[in-house]
Protein backbone atom coordinates (compact mmCIF):
# COMPACT_ATOMS: atom_id res chain seq x y z
CA MET A 1 -79.81 54.16 3.71
CA ALA A 2 -81.29 50.99 2.33
CA LYS A 3 -80.40 47.52 3.49
CA PRO A 4 -80.31 44.34 1.37
CA ILE A 5 -83.59 42.42 1.17
CA ALA A 6 -82.12 39.07 0.07
CA PRO A 7 -79.94 37.16 2.54
CA TRP A 8 -76.31 37.03 1.36
CA LYS A 9 -76.28 33.31 0.62
CA ALA A 10 -79.92 33.05 -0.57
CA GLY A 11 -80.48 30.66 -3.42
CA ALA A 12 -81.81 31.52 -6.86
CA ASP A 13 -85.32 30.62 -5.76
CA PHE A 14 -85.40 33.43 -3.14
CA SER A 15 -88.24 35.90 -3.76
CA HIS A 16 -89.72 38.92 -2.02
CA ALA A 17 -92.56 41.23 -3.14
CA ASP A 18 -90.23 44.27 -3.03
CA LEU A 19 -87.26 42.61 -4.76
CA VAL A 20 -87.33 42.92 -8.56
CA TRP A 21 -83.85 41.54 -9.26
CA TRP A 22 -80.68 40.74 -7.33
CA ALA A 23 -77.19 39.36 -7.92
CA THR A 24 -73.81 39.16 -6.25
CA LEU A 25 -70.48 40.24 -7.75
CA ASP A 26 -66.90 39.29 -6.88
CA ASP A 27 -68.08 37.46 -3.75
CA ARG A 28 -68.28 40.89 -2.19
CA TYR A 29 -71.05 43.08 -3.62
CA GLN A 30 -74.76 42.51 -3.50
CA ILE A 31 -76.81 44.29 -6.12
CA GLU A 32 -80.55 44.66 -5.79
CA VAL A 33 -83.36 46.45 -7.54
CA GLN A 34 -85.89 47.14 -4.78
CA ARG A 35 -89.36 48.18 -5.92
CA ALA A 36 -90.19 51.81 -5.20
CA SER A 37 -93.48 51.98 -7.09
CA ARG A 38 -95.32 50.07 -9.82
CA SER A 39 -93.00 51.37 -12.50
CA THR A 40 -89.78 52.30 -10.60
CA GLY A 41 -87.20 50.72 -8.40
CA ASN A 42 -83.99 51.55 -6.56
CA LEU A 43 -80.83 49.99 -7.95
CA CYS A 44 -78.68 49.47 -4.88
CA ILE A 45 -75.11 48.28 -4.45
CA PHE A 46 -74.14 46.91 -1.03
CA ASP A 47 -70.64 46.01 0.16
CA HIS A 48 -70.96 42.75 2.04
CA ALA A 49 -67.36 42.96 3.17
CA ASP A 50 -68.17 46.24 4.95
CA GLY A 51 -71.33 45.17 6.86
CA ASP A 52 -73.63 45.50 3.83
CA LYS A 53 -72.88 49.23 3.61
CA GLU A 54 -74.86 50.88 0.81
CA LEU A 55 -72.40 52.21 -1.79
CA ALA A 56 -74.83 53.48 -4.41
CA ASN A 57 -78.56 53.89 -5.01
CA TRP A 58 -80.18 55.01 -8.29
CA LEU A 59 -83.84 55.35 -9.22
CA VAL A 60 -84.51 53.22 -12.30
CA THR A 61 -87.57 52.54 -14.40
CA LEU A 62 -89.09 49.07 -14.67
CA ALA A 63 -90.26 48.11 -18.17
CA TYR A 64 -93.89 46.98 -18.06
CA GLY A 65 -93.76 47.37 -14.30
CA ALA A 66 -91.69 44.18 -14.05
CA VAL A 67 -94.93 42.30 -13.34
CA PHE A 68 -93.45 38.97 -14.37
CA GLY A 69 -89.86 39.82 -13.51
CA PRO A 70 -87.36 42.28 -14.94
CA ASP A 71 -87.04 42.99 -18.65
CA VAL A 72 -83.76 41.66 -20.19
CA GLY A 73 -82.96 45.18 -21.45
CA ASP A 74 -83.39 46.59 -17.97
CA VAL A 75 -81.11 43.95 -16.46
CA ASN A 76 -78.42 44.67 -19.07
CA GLU A 77 -78.60 48.38 -18.30
CA TRP A 78 -78.36 47.75 -14.53
CA GLN A 79 -75.42 45.39 -14.94
CA GLU A 80 -73.52 47.95 -17.04
CA LYS A 81 -74.21 50.72 -14.51
CA VAL A 82 -73.04 48.53 -11.60
CA LEU A 83 -69.89 47.36 -13.37
CA GLU A 84 -69.00 50.94 -14.32
CA PHE A 85 -69.43 52.03 -10.71
CA ILE A 86 -67.45 49.12 -9.22
CA ASP A 87 -64.66 49.42 -11.78
CA SER A 88 -64.28 53.13 -11.08
CA ARG A 89 -63.80 52.63 -7.31
CA PRO A 90 -60.30 52.93 -5.91
CA ALA A 91 -58.68 49.61 -5.06
C-alpha cells in the first residue's frame, strides 16, 4: 500500500522528485501520480478522513515522461478516472 508523498496541507509550490501531479478533492481525498519509472506512474487515491488509507491505485503512462510536468491530456484523463471512482463509491 502506497502512502501520500505530499503533506495534506502542502502549498501549490510543493515538489518532490517522485511526485508527478497531485490534488485534493472534497476536502477529503488526496490524489497523486507517483513516478514508477521514466514513462509510468501510479495514480493513487487516498482518503484523508480515514488516515490516508489508499482507496485505489492504477498504473498510468506519462506522456513524454512528464519531464517538465504532466501533460494536460494526461491530467484530464486522471481527473476523469478519479471522479468516476469517487462518484461510484457508496455514500
